[in-house]
Amino acid sequence: MNAKPVSSKVLDAAIAWKLCLDDSADAAQERSAFIHWHAASEEHARAWRQLGMLDQRVSAAAGPARKALLQSRVSLRRRVGTLGGGLAGLLLVGALLLQVGAGSLAPGYWLADQRTGTGELRTLRLEDGTLLSLNTHTAVDIDFAGEQRVIVLHQGEISVETGHADLRPLLVRTDDGRLRPLGTRFLVKREAHGTRLEVLQSQVAAMPSNSGDEQILGEGQQVLMNANGLGQIGPVAAGADAWTRGMLVVDNVRLADLLEALGRYRSGHLGVADEVADLRVTGSFPLTDTDLALASLLPALPVKIERHTPWWVTVVAK
């Protein structure tokens, strides 16, 4: 009976309830609504049982890591239409969950010297005077013990404003290569296909891991670096560093892209209906209050906000 597939919509709802009940400090009201949902359909009950069986198989990823696996359900749903098929089906879904979770958590994240959680922004003054800002869900190691000052970016995005109280070379390293600032302020972001460098002031020398050649980028330039080389050099977008001040600045972007960016700063699912995904948006949005950011869309766009739980929000046509 547990092996019978359930729809992706019901699976989404079951995962949303799992996150809601796990996170709520006072779950009495939520649990009452959950019991009503659970009893409303045999498929609901079956999805909950299947999710519980799957949860046992990924229980080794406890705490924040386990939550991150559950929150990767959007990518999972695109790849798995149903949850079922007995033990083999559960193991397949479990493997996909772990694969998606591994893609969102770099191996060094949990052991990093400094890391930020979802929606957290942090600024550090390092011992050499360097100002280091960490964007949401970012992890770095900092090693000033040797002949070089080294910042290793495992995941996320940082802003670096170099200090001058130490004459040793300062390097920022990722799996894709190294960046050597030449007295400057710049952004470094890990992306799916490489490391993005954006130079805000002065210059930065970029050297891919599999290349012995450095290329210097000047103020206002940005590039995507992978281990084998540099991509096409382009201009830095206006407001690229606005996140360091707690803001997101966009200019004529798709609503879907804006919501994807805001979704990095909140827990749970932030979705958009297909019929409004291509609406264009220009403006500034607070990252420390994404609910306020969403509310600011309402006067300007023909949309409304559907909130199924605090962790499951969708922007749809009005």
C-alpha atoms as a PDB file:
ATOM      1  CA  MET A   1       0.000   0.000   0.000  1.00  0.00           C
ATOM      2  CA  ASN A   2       2.854   2.410   0.802  1.00  0.00           C
ATOM      3  CA  ALA A   3       4.408   1.676  -2.597  1.00  0.00           C
ATOM      4  CA  LYS A   4       1.504   3.160  -4.574  1.00  0.00           C
ATOM      5  CA  PRO A   5       2.671   6.457  -6.144  1.00  0.00           C
ATOM      6  CA  VAL A   6       1.392   9.851  -5.029  1.00  0.00           C
ATOM      7  CA  SER A   7       1.126  13.003  -7.109  1.00  0.00           C
ATOM      8  CA  SER A   8       3.896  15.611  -7.050  1.00  0.00           C
ATOM      9  CA  LYS A   9       1.380  18.151  -5.664  1.00  0.00           C
ATOM     10  CA  VAL A  10       0.597  15.934  -2.682  1.00  0.00           C
ATOM     11  CA  LEU A  11       4.289  15.181  -2.183  1.00  0.00           C
ATOM     12  CA  ASP A  12       5.005  18.932  -2.124  1.00  0.00           C
ATOM     13  CA  ALA A  13       2.278  19.427   0.478  1.00  0.00           C
ATOM     14  CA  ALA A  14       3.637  16.613   2.661  1.00  0.00           C
ATOM     15  CA  ILE A  15       7.140  18.095   2.616  1.00  0.00           C
ATOM     16  CA  ALA A  16       5.747  21.555   3.394  1.00  0.00           C
ATOM     17  CA  TRP A  17       3.932  20.111   6.411  1.00  0.00           C
ATOM     18  CA  LYS A  18       7.104  18.318   7.514  1.00  0.00           C
ATOM     19  CA  LEU A  19       9.058  21.588   7.488  1.00  0.00           C
ATOM     20  CA  CYS A  20       6.224  23.462   9.192  1.00  0.00           C
ATOM     21  CA  LEU A  21       5.848  20.991  12.051  1.00  0.00           C
ATOM     22  CA  ASP A  22       9.611  20.612  12.512  1.00  0.00           C
ATOM     23  CA  ASP A  23      10.229  24.365  12.750  1.00  0.00           C
ATOM     24  CA  SER A  24       7.220  25.600  14.710  1.00  0.00           C
ATOM     25  CA  ALA A  25       7.902  26.460  18.335  1.00  0.00           C
ATOM     26  CA  ASP A  26       4.179  26.301  19.141  1.00  0.00           C
ATOM     27  CA  ALA A  27       2.731  23.778  16.740  1.00  0.00           C
ATOM     28  CA  ALA A  28      -0.760  23.373  18.271  1.00  0.00           C
ATOM     29  CA  GLN A  29      -2.582  25.331  15.581  1.00  0.00           C
ATOM     30  CA  GLU A  30      -0.427  23.945  12.780  1.00  0.00           C
ATOM     31  CA  ARG A  31      -0.887  20.383  14.039  1.00  0.00           C
ATOM     32  CA  SER A  32      -4.657  20.769  14.077  1.00  0.00           C
ATOM     33  CA  ALA A  33      -4.595  21.916  10.443  1.00  0.00           C
ATOM     34  CA  PHE A  34      -2.187  19.101   9.591  1.00  0.00           C
ATOM     35  CA  ILE A  35      -4.498  16.476  11.111  1.00  0.00           C
ATOM     36  CA  HIS A  36      -7.337  17.829   8.971  1.00  0.00           C
ATOM     37  CA  TRP A  37      -5.121  17.652   5.859  1.00  0.00           C
ATOM     38  CA  HIS A  38      -3.899  14.152   6.724  1.00  0.00           C
ATOM     39  CA  ALA A  39      -7.439  12.831   7.216  1.00  0.00           C
ATOM     40  CA  ALA A  40      -8.855  14.463   4.098  1.00  0.00           C
ATOM     41  CA  SER A  41      -7.484  11.874   1.672  1.00  0.00           C
ATOM     42  CA  GLU A  42      -5.948   8.415   1.680  1.00  0.00           C
ATOM     43  CA  GLU A  43      -3.337   9.776  -0.736  1.00  0.00           C
ATOM     44  CA  HIS A  44      -2.355  12.422   1.856  1.00  0.00           C
ATOM     45  CA  ALA A  45      -1.870   9.738   4.489  1.00  0.00           C
ATOM     46  CA  ARG A  46       0.106   7.561   2.078  1.00  0.00           C
ATOM     47  CA  ALA A  47       2.395  10.456   1.112  1.00  0.00           C
ATOM     48  CA  TRP A  48       3.051  11.155   4.791  1.00  0.00           C
ATOM     49  CA  ARG A  49       3.952   7.501   5.439  1.00  0.00           C
ATOM     50  CA  GLN A  50       6.261   7.416   2.424  1.00  0.00           C
ATOM     51  CA  LEU A  51       7.933  10.659   3.508  1.00  0.00           C
ATOM     52  CA  GLY A  52       8.475   9.170   6.962  1.00  0.00           C
ATOM     53  CA  MET A  53      10.119   6.092   5.451  1.00  0.00           C
ATOM     54  CA  LEU A  54      12.342   8.290   3.315  1.00  0.00           C
ATOM     55  CA  ASP A  55      13.135  10.495   6.301  1.00  0.00           C
ATOM     56  CA  GLN A  56      14.561   7.462   8.140  1.00  0.00           C
ATOM     57  CA  ARG A  57      16.914   6.820   5.214  1.00  0.00           C
ATOM     58  CA  VAL A  58      18.333  10.350   5.278  1.00  0.00           C
ATOM     59  CA  SER A  59      18.273  10.742   9.071  1.00  0.00           C
ATOM     60  CA  ALA A  60      22.074  10.736   9.160  1.00  0.00           C
ATOM     61  CA  ALA A  61      21.879  14.269   7.764  1.00  0.00           C
ATOM     62  CA  ALA A  62      20.371  15.602  10.972  1.00  0.00           C
ATOM     63  CA  GLY A  63      19.538  19.161  11.954  1.00  0.00           C
ATOM     64  CA  PRO A  64      20.230  21.912   9.401  1.00  0.00           C
ATOM     65  CA  ALA A  65      21.591  19.475   6.824  1.00  0.00           C
ATOM     66  CA  ARG A  66      18.438  17.346   6.938  1.00  0.00           C
ATOM     67  CA  LYS A  67      16.298  20.478   6.615  1.00  0.00           C
ATOM     68  CA  ALA A  68      18.296  21.545   3.584  1.00  0.00           C
ATOM     69  CA  LEU A  69      17.601  18.178   1.965  1.00  0.00           C
ATOM     70  CA  LEU A  70      13.867  18.587   2.503  1.00  0.00           C
ATOM     71  CA  GLN A  71      13.952  22.158   1.205  1.00  0.00           C
ATOM     72  CA  SER A  72      15.498  20.961  -2.039  1.00  0.00           C
ATOM     73  CA  ARG A  73      12.083  19.546  -2.979  1.00  0.00           C
ATOM     74  CA  VAL A  74      11.637  21.994  -5.873  1.00  0.00           C
ATOM     75  CA  SER A  75      14.511  20.508  -7.841  1.00  0.00           C
ATOM     76  CA  LEU A  76      13.564  17.026  -6.671  1.00  0.00           C
ATOM     77  CA  ARG A  77       9.970  17.397  -7.910  1.00  0.00           C
ATOM     78  CA  ARG A  78      11.213  18.253 -11.393  1.00  0.00           C
ATOM     79  CA  ARG A  79      13.135  14.988 -11.513  1.00  0.00           C
ATOM     80  CA  VAL A  80      10.789  12.669  -9.656  1.00  0.00           C
ATOM     81  CA  GLY A  81       7.135  12.704 -10.700  1.00  0.00           C
ATOM     82  CA  THR A  82       5.965  10.290  -8.021  1.00  0.00           C
ATOM     83  CA  LEU A  83       7.108   8.908  -4.706  1.00  0.00           C
ATOM     84  CA  GLY A  84       6.669   5.155  -4.450  1.00  0.00           C
ATOM     85  CA  GLY A  85       7.628   1.865  -6.040  1.00  0.00           C
ATOM     86  CA  GLY A  86       8.417   0.093  -2.749  1.00  0.00           C
ATOM     87  CA  LEU A  87      11.914  -0.007  -1.279  1.00  0.00           C
ATOM     88  CA  ALA A  88      13.613   0.492  -4.650  1.00  0.00           C
ATOM     89  CA  GLY A  89      11.586   3.630  -5.281  1.00  0.00           C
ATOM     90  CA  LEU A  90      12.366   5.003  -1.842  1.00  0.00           C
ATOM     91  CA  LEU A  91      16.062   4.350  -2.266  1.00  0.00           C
ATOM     92  CA  LEU A  92      15.996   6.092  -5.655  1.00  0.00           C
ATOM     93  CA  VAL A  93      14.291   9.156  -4.223  1.00  0.00           C
ATOM     94  CA  GLY A  94      16.656   9.114  -1.255  1.00  0.00           C
ATOM     95  CA  ALA A  95      19.648   9.070  -3.587  1.00  0.00           C
ATOM     96  CA  LEU A  96      18.222  11.993  -5.565  1.00  0.00           C
ATOM     97  CA  LEU A  97      17.558  13.930  -2.368  1.00  0.00           C
ATOM     98  CA  LEU A  98      21.138  13.420  -1.286  1.00  0.00           C
ATOM     99  CA  GLN A  99      22.393  14.437  -4.715  1.00  0.00           C
ATOM    100  CA  VAL A 100      20.324  17.639  -4.728  1.00  0.00           C
ATOM    101  CA  GLY A 101      21.306  18.350  -1.136  1.00  0.00           C
ATOM    102  CA  ALA A 102      24.979  17.870  -1.935  1.00  0.00           C
ATOM    103  CA  GLY A 103      24.638  20.347  -4.787  1.00  0.00           C
ATOM    104  CA  SER A 104      23.321  23.016  -2.408  1.00  0.00           C
ATOM    105  CA  LEU A 105      25.873  22.343   0.347  1.00  0.00           C
ATOM    106  CA  ALA A 106      29.546  22.426  -0.571  1.00  0.00           C
ATOM    107  CA  PRO A 107      31.646  19.745   1.172  1.00  0.00           C
ATOM    108  CA  GLY A 108      33.437  22.327   3.317  1.00  0.00           C
ATOM    109  CA  TYR A 109      30.316  24.204   4.407  1.00  0.00           C
ATOM    110  CA  TRP A 110      29.746  22.695   7.838  1.00  0.00           C
ATOM    111  CA  LEU A 111      33.457  22.694   8.761  1.00  0.00           C
ATOM    112  CA  ALA A 112      34.213  26.223   7.517  1.00  0.00           C
ATOM    113  CA  ASP A 113      35.762  28.858   9.781  1.00  0.00           C
ATOM    114  CA  GLN A 114      32.903  31.246   9.036  1.00  0.00           C
ATOM    115  CA  ARG A 115      29.489  30.517   7.537  1.00  0.00           C
ATOM    116  CA  THR A 116      26.107  32.173   7.265  1.00  0.00           C
ATOM    117  CA  GLY A 117      22.679  30.600   7.288  1.00  0.00           C
ATOM    118  CA  THR A 118      19.741  31.288   5.008  1.00  0.00           C
ATOM    119  CA  GLY A 119      18.993  35.014   4.979  1.00  0.00           C
ATOM    120  CA  GLU A 120      21.972  35.844   7.188  1.00  0.00           C
ATOM    121  CA  LEU A 121      24.435  38.604   6.232  1.00  0.00           C
ATOM    122  CA  ARG A 122      27.655  39.085   8.170  1.00  0.00           C
ATOM    123  CA  THR A 123      30.613  41.494   8.003  1.00  0.00           C
ATOM    124  CA  LEU A 124      34.006  40.728   9.599  1.00  0.00           C
ATOM    125  CA  ARG A 125      37.084  42.911  10.127  1.00  0.00           C
ATOM    126  CA  LEU A 126      40.075  40.600   9.698  1.00  0.00           C
ATOM    127  CA  GLU A 127      43.360  41.010  11.563  1.00  0.00           C
ATOM    128  CA  ASP A 128      45.030  42.760   8.607  1.00  0.00           C
ATOM    129  CA  GLY A 129      42.201  45.299   8.351  1.00  0.00           C
ATOM    130  CA  THR A 130      40.460  43.552   5.443  1.00  0.00           C
ATOM    131  CA  LEU A 131      36.689  43.996   5.489  1.00  0.00           C
ATOM    132  CA  LEU A 132      35.013  40.694   4.570  1.00  0.00           C
ATOM    133  CA  SER A 133      31.234  40.481   4.057  1.00  0.00           C
ATOM    134  CA  LEU A 134      29.415  37.149   3.700  1.00  0.00           C
ATOM    135  CA  ASN A 135      26.168  36.895   1.766  1.00  0.00           C
ATOM    136  CA  THR A 136      23.406  34.398   2.580  1.00  0.00           C
ATOM    137  CA  HIS A 137      24.420  30.731   2.915  1.00  0.00           C
ATOM    138  CA  THR A 138      28.136  31.415   2.484  1.00  0.00           C
ATOM    139  CA  ALA A 139      31.112  29.485   3.890  1.00  0.00           C
ATOM    140  CA  VAL A 140      34.774  30.547   4.012  1.00  0.00           C
ATOM    141  CA  ASP A 141      38.042  29.444   5.577  1.00  0.00           C
ATOM    142  CA  ILE A 142      40.538  32.110   6.622  1.00  0.00           C
ATOM    143  CA  ASP A 143      44.241  31.228   6.864  1.00  0.00           C
ATOM    144  CA  PHE A 144      46.729  33.967   7.719  1.00  0.00           C
ATOM    145  CA  ALA A 145      49.338  31.621   9.251  1.00  0.00           C
ATOM    146  CA  GLY A 146      51.687  31.197   6.280  1.00  0.00           C
ATOM    147  CA  GLU A 147      53.520  33.411   3.817  1.00  0.00           C
ATOM    148  CA  GLN A 148      50.226  34.469   2.250  1.00  0.00           C
ATOM    149  CA  ARG A 149      46.901  35.653   3.562  1.00  0.00           C
ATOM    150  CA  VAL A 150      44.336  33.233   2.128  1.00  0.00           C
ATOM    151  CA  ILE A 151      40.541  33.300   2.062  1.00  0.00           C
ATOM    152  CA  VAL A 152      38.971  30.091   0.716  1.00  0.00           C
ATOM    153  CA  LEU A 153      35.414  30.475  -0.553  1.00  0.00           C
ATOM    154  CA  HIS A 154      33.597  27.118  -0.378  1.00  0.00           C
ATOM    155  CA  GLN A 155      30.101  28.336  -1.144  1.00  0.00           C
ATOM    156  CA  GLY A 156      28.089  31.507  -1.568  1.00  0.00           C
ATOM    157  CA  GLU A 157      29.312  35.052  -2.150  1.00  0.00           C
ATOM    158  CA  ILE A 158      31.699  37.443  -0.447  1.00  0.00           C
ATOM    159  CA  SER A 159      32.646  41.080  -0.683  1.00  0.00           C
ATOM    160  CA  VAL A 160      36.306  41.876   0.003  1.00  0.00           C
ATOM    161  CA  GLU A 161      37.749  45.306   0.768  1.00  0.00           C
ATOM    162  CA  THR A 162      41.449  44.733   1.220  1.00  0.00           C
ATOM    163  CA  GLY A 163      43.303  45.919   4.298  1.00  0.00           C
ATOM    164  CA  HIS A 164      46.892  47.155   4.270  1.00  0.00           C
ATOM    165  CA  ALA A 165      48.133  46.305   7.768  1.00  0.00           C
ATOM    166  CA  ASP A 166      49.954  43.213   6.436  1.00  0.00           C
ATOM    167  CA  LEU A 167      52.392  43.188   3.501  1.00  0.00           C
ATOM    168  CA  ARG A 168      51.942  39.502   2.659  1.00  0.00           C
ATOM    169  CA  PRO A 169      49.984  38.799  -0.551  1.00  0.00           C
ATOM    170  CA  LEU A 170      46.229  38.363  -0.120  1.00  0.00           C
ATOM    171  CA  LEU A 171      44.578  35.585  -2.159  1.00  0.00           C
ATOM    172  CA  VAL A 172      41.001  34.410  -2.544  1.00  0.00           C
ATOM    173  CA  ARG A 173      40.818  30.765  -3.605  1.00  0.00           C
ATOM    174  CA  THR A 174      37.996  28.576  -4.890  1.00  0.00           C
ATOM    175  CA  ASP A 175      37.967  25.213  -6.654  1.00  0.00           C
ATOM    176  CA  ASP A 176      38.147  27.152  -9.939  1.00  0.00           C
ATOM    177  CA  GLY A 177      41.336  29.107  -9.251  1.00  0.00           C
ATOM    178  CA  ARG A 178      42.766  32.034  -7.339  1.00  0.00           C
ATOM    179  CA  LEU A 179      42.163  35.776  -7.269  1.00  0.00           C
ATOM    180  CA  ARG A 180      44.884  38.248  -6.273  1.00  0.00           C
ATOM    181  CA  PRO A 181      43.622  41.750  -5.450  1.00  0.00           C
ATOM    182  CA  LEU A 182      45.802  44.712  -6.303  1.00  0.00           C
ATOM    183  CA  GLY A 183      44.602  47.063  -3.593  1.00  0.00           C
ATOM    184  CA  THR A 184      40.916  46.854  -4.291  1.00  0.00           C
ATOM    185  CA  ARG A 185      37.270  46.104  -3.479  1.00  0.00           C
ATOM    186  CA  PHE A 186      35.595  43.201  -5.274  1.00  0.00           C
ATOM    187  CA  LEU A 187      32.923  40.491  -5.143  1.00  0.00           C
ATOM    188  CA  VAL A 188      33.448  36.733  -5.518  1.00  0.00           C
ATOM    189  CA  LYS A 189      30.532  34.331  -6.003  1.00  0.00           C
ATOM    190  CA  ARG A 190      30.434  30.556  -6.441  1.00  0.00           C
ATOM    191  CA  GLU A 191      28.041  29.614  -9.236  1.00  0.00           C
ATOM    192  CA  ALA A 192      27.010  26.340 -10.825  1.00  0.00           C
ATOM    193  CA  HIS A 193      29.561  26.626 -13.643  1.00  0.00           C
ATOM    194  CA  GLY A 194      32.408  28.514 -12.020  1.00  0.00           C
ATOM    195  CA  THR A 195      33.427  31.450  -9.863  1.00  0.00           C
ATOM    196  CA  ARG A 196      32.215  34.940 -10.723  1.00  0.00           C
ATOM    197  CA  LEU A 197      34.543  37.878 -10.070  1.00  0.00           C
ATOM    198  CA  GLU A 198      33.216  41.448 -10.065  1.00  0.00           C
ATOM    199  CA  VAL A 199      35.752  44.252  -9.584  1.00  0.00           C
ATOM    200  CA  LEU A 200      34.303  47.326  -7.893  1.00  0.00           C
ATOM    201  CA  GLN A 201      37.519  49.294  -7.362  1.00  0.00           C
ATOM    202  CA  SER A 202      41.104  49.066  -8.644  1.00  0.00           C
ATOM    203  CA  GLN A 203      42.174  45.692 -10.133  1.00  0.00           C
ATOM    204  CA  VAL A 204      42.179  41.927  -9.475  1.00  0.00           C
ATOM    205  CA  ALA A 205      44.421  39.291 -11.106  1.00  0.00           C
ATOM    206  CA  ALA A 206      42.574  36.048 -11.877  1.00  0.00           C
ATOM    207  CA  MET A 207      44.339  32.704 -12.414  1.00  0.00           C
ATOM    208  CA  PRO A 208      42.314  29.553 -13.222  1.00  0.00           C
ATOM    209  CA  SER A 209      43.397  26.333 -11.493  1.00  0.00           C
ATOM    210  CA  ASN A 210      44.584  24.611 -14.692  1.00  0.00           C
ATOM    211  CA  SER A 211      46.354  27.642 -16.122  1.00  0.00           C
ATOM    212  CA  GLY A 212      49.629  29.321 -15.242  1.00  0.00           C
ATOM    213  CA  ASP A 213      48.559  32.682 -16.634  1.00  0.00           C
ATOM    214  CA  GLU A 214      47.030  35.551 -14.719  1.00  0.00           C
ATOM    215  CA  GLN A 215      44.668  38.020 -16.333  1.00  0.00           C
ATOM    216  CA  ILE A 216      44.038  41.377 -14.734  1.00  0.00           C
ATOM    217  CA  LEU A 217      40.517  42.762 -14.581  1.00  0.00           C
ATOM    218  CA  GLY A 218      39.930  46.431 -13.960  1.00  0.00           C
ATOM    219  CA  GLU A 219      37.322  48.453 -12.128  1.00  0.00           C
ATOM    220  CA  GLY A 220      33.795  47.853 -13.398  1.00  0.00           C
ATOM    221  CA  GLN A 221      34.617  44.505 -15.063  1.00  0.00           C
ATOM    222  CA  GLN A 222      33.265  41.041 -14.255  1.00  0.00           C
ATOM    223  CA  VAL A 223      34.015  37.536 -15.510  1.00  0.00           C
ATOM    224  CA  LEU A 224      33.135  33.894 -14.852  1.00  0.00           C
ATOM    225  CA  MET A 225      36.225  31.794 -14.133  1.00  0.00           C
ATOM    226  CA  ASN A 226      36.349  28.011 -14.255  1.00  0.00           C
ATOM    227  CA  ALA A 227      39.317  25.726 -13.755  1.00  0.00           C
ATOM    228  CA  ASN A 228      40.290  25.871 -17.433  1.00  0.00           C
ATOM    229  CA  GLY A 229      39.994  29.563 -18.171  1.00  0.00           C
ATOM    230  CA  LEU A 230      38.058  32.799 -18.092  1.00  0.00           C
ATOM    231  CA  GLY A 231      34.814  33.541 -19.870  1.00  0.00           C
ATOM    232  CA  GLN A 232      33.896  36.718 -21.679  1.00  0.00           C
ATOM    233  CA  ILE A 233      34.606  39.887 -19.731  1.00  0.00           C
ATOM    234  CA  GLY A 234      31.602  42.160 -19.249  1.00  0.00           C
ATOM    235  CA  PRO A 235      30.465  45.130 -17.161  1.00  0.00           C
ATOM    236  CA  VAL A 236      29.501  44.878 -13.511  1.00  0.00           C
ATOM    237  CA  ALA A 237      25.747  45.286 -13.079  1.00  0.00           C
ATOM    238  CA  ALA A 238      24.510  48.351 -11.225  1.00  0.00           C
ATOM    239  CA  GLY A 239      23.855  47.526  -7.583  1.00  0.00           C
ATOM    240  CA  ALA A 240      25.893  44.316  -7.639  1.00  0.00           C
ATOM    241  CA  ASP A 241      27.100  44.968  -4.079  1.00  0.00           C
ATOM    242  CA  ALA A 242      23.759  46.230  -2.740  1.00  0.00           C
ATOM    243  CA  TRP A 243      23.401  42.994  -0.745  1.00  0.00           C
ATOM    244  CA  THR A 244      26.203  44.193   1.545  1.00  0.00           C
ATOM    245  CA  ARG A 245      23.759  46.937   2.616  1.00  0.00           C
ATOM    246  CA  GLY A 246      20.849  44.518   2.935  1.00  0.00           C
ATOM    247  CA  MET A 247      19.220  45.369  -0.392  1.00  0.00           C
ATOM    248  CA  LEU A 248      18.588  43.684  -3.733  1.00  0.00           C
ATOM    249  CA  VAL A 249      18.638  46.059  -6.722  1.00  0.00           C
ATOM    250  CA  VAL A 250      17.228  44.889 -10.069  1.00  0.00           C
ATOM    251  CA  ASP A 251      16.660  46.591 -13.401  1.00  0.00           C
ATOM    252  CA  ASN A 252      14.076  45.195 -15.832  1.00  0.00           C
ATOM    253  CA  VAL A 253      14.415  41.574 -14.728  1.00  0.00           C
ATOM    254  CA  ARG A 254      11.836  38.789 -15.003  1.00  0.00           C
ATOM    255  CA  LEU A 255       9.638  38.364 -11.962  1.00  0.00           C
ATOM    256  CA  ALA A 256      10.705  34.696 -11.836  1.00  0.00           C
ATOM    257  CA  ASP A 257      14.370  35.730 -11.626  1.00  0.00           C
ATOM    258  CA  LEU A 258      13.634  38.270  -8.899  1.00  0.00           C
ATOM    259  CA  LEU A 259      11.808  35.657  -6.830  1.00  0.00           C
ATOM    260  CA  GLU A 260      14.610  33.150  -7.333  1.00  0.00           C
ATOM    261  CA  ALA A 261      17.031  35.732  -5.930  1.00  0.00           C
ATOM    262  CA  LEU A 262      14.755  36.585  -2.973  1.00  0.00           C
ATOM    263  CA  GLY A 263      14.255  32.870  -2.329  1.00  0.00           C
ATOM    264  CA  ARG A 264      17.918  32.560  -1.368  1.00  0.00           C
ATOM    265  CA  TYR A 265      17.179  34.735   1.674  1.00  0.00           C
ATOM    266  CA  ARG A 266      14.204  32.832   3.110  1.00  0.00           C
ATOM    267  CA  SER A 267      13.465  29.299   4.215  1.00  0.00           C
ATOM    268  CA  GLY A 268      10.992  27.154   2.330  1.00  0.00           C
ATOM    269  CA  HIS A 269       9.510  27.430  -1.139  1.00  0.00           C
ATOM    270  CA  LEU A 270       8.994  30.730  -2.976  1.00  0.00           C
ATOM    271  CA  GLY A 271       7.335  30.045  -6.322  1.00  0.00           C
ATOM    272  CA  VAL A 272       5.711  31.904  -9.189  1.00  0.00           C
ATOM    273  CA  ALA A 273       2.865  30.969 -11.517  1.00  0.00           C
ATOM    274  CA  ASP A 274       3.803  30.556 -15.173  1.00  0.00           C
ATOM    275  CA  GLU A 275       1.356  33.217 -16.348  1.00  0.00           C
ATOM    276  CA  VAL A 276       3.172  35.994 -14.432  1.00  0.00           C
ATOM    277  CA  ALA A 277       6.741  34.644 -14.478  1.00  0.00           C
ATOM    278  CA  ASP A 278       7.799  36.877 -17.391  1.00  0.00           C
ATOM    279  CA  LEU A 279       6.545  40.185 -15.967  1.00  0.00           C
ATOM    280  CA  ARG A 280       9.381  42.712 -15.764  1.00  0.00           C
ATOM    281  CA  VAL A 281      10.480  44.321 -12.510  1.00  0.00           C
ATOM    282  CA  THR A 282      12.722  47.268 -11.621  1.00  0.00           C
ATOM    283  CA  GLY A 283      13.378  48.383  -8.063  1.00  0.00           C
ATOM    284  CA  SER A 284      15.108  47.912  -4.716  1.00  0.00           C
ATOM    285  CA  PHE A 285      14.000  45.230  -2.263  1.00  0.00           C
ATOM    286  CA  PRO A 286      14.986  44.588   1.384  1.00  0.00           C
ATOM    287  CA  LEU A 287      16.758  41.294   1.950  1.00  0.00           C
ATOM    288  CA  THR A 288      16.275  41.312   5.711  1.00  0.00           C
ATOM    289  CA  ASP A 289      12.471  41.290   5.310  1.00  0.00           C
ATOM    290  CA  THR A 290      11.499  39.282   2.242  1.00  0.00           C
ATOM    291  CA  ASP A 291       7.801  39.408   3.180  1.00  0.00           C
ATOM    292  CA  LEU A 292       7.999  43.194   2.886  1.00  0.00           C
ATOM    293  CA  ALA A 293       9.821  42.778  -0.428  1.00  0.00           C
ATOM    294  CA  LEU A 294       7.004  40.584  -1.727  1.00  0.00           C
ATOM    295  CA  ALA A 295       4.342  43.018  -0.497  1.00  0.00           C
ATOM    296  CA  SER A 296       6.024  45.836  -2.428  1.00  0.00           C
ATOM    297  CA  LEU A 297       5.238  44.004  -5.691  1.00  0.00           C
ATOM    298  CA  LEU A 298       1.479  44.278  -5.223  1.00  0.00           C
ATOM    299  CA  PRO A 299       0.896  47.953  -6.113  1.00  0.00           C
ATOM    300  CA  ALA A 300       2.938  47.726  -9.326  1.00  0.00           C
ATOM    301  CA  LEU A 301       2.083  44.293 -10.747  1.00  0.00           C
ATOM    302  CA  PRO A 302      -1.164  42.387 -11.418  1.00  0.00           C
ATOM    303  CA  VAL A 303      -0.263  39.698  -8.878  1.00  0.00           C
ATOM    304  CA  LYS A 304      -1.230  38.441  -5.453  1.00  0.00           C
ATOM    305  CA  ILE A 305       0.589  36.413  -2.808  1.00  0.00           C
ATOM    306  CA  GLU A 306      -0.724  32.968  -1.862  1.00  0.00           C
ATOM    307  CA  ARG A 307       0.558  31.733   1.507  1.00  0.00           C
ATOM    308  CA  HIS A 308      -0.174  28.086   2.233  1.00  0.00           C
ATOM    309  CA  THR A 309       2.205  28.123   5.206  1.00  0.00           C
ATOM    310  CA  PRO A 310       5.001  30.559   6.150  1.00  0.00           C
ATOM    311  CA  TRP A 311       7.325  28.156   4.300  1.00  0.00           C
ATOM    312  CA  TRP A 312       5.236  27.758   1.145  1.00  0.00           C
ATOM    313  CA  VAL A 313       4.526  30.989  -0.733  1.00  0.00           C
ATOM    314  CA  THR A 314       3.559  31.477  -4.373  1.00  0.00           C
ATOM    315  CA  VAL A 315       3.114  34.643  -6.452  1.00  0.00           C
ATOM    316  CA  VAL A 316       0.148  34.199  -8.801  1.00  0.00           C
ATOM    317  CA  ALA A 317      -1.982  36.311 -11.141  1.00  0.00           C
ATOM    318  CA  LYS A 318      -4.442  38.612  -9.390  1.00  0.00           C
END
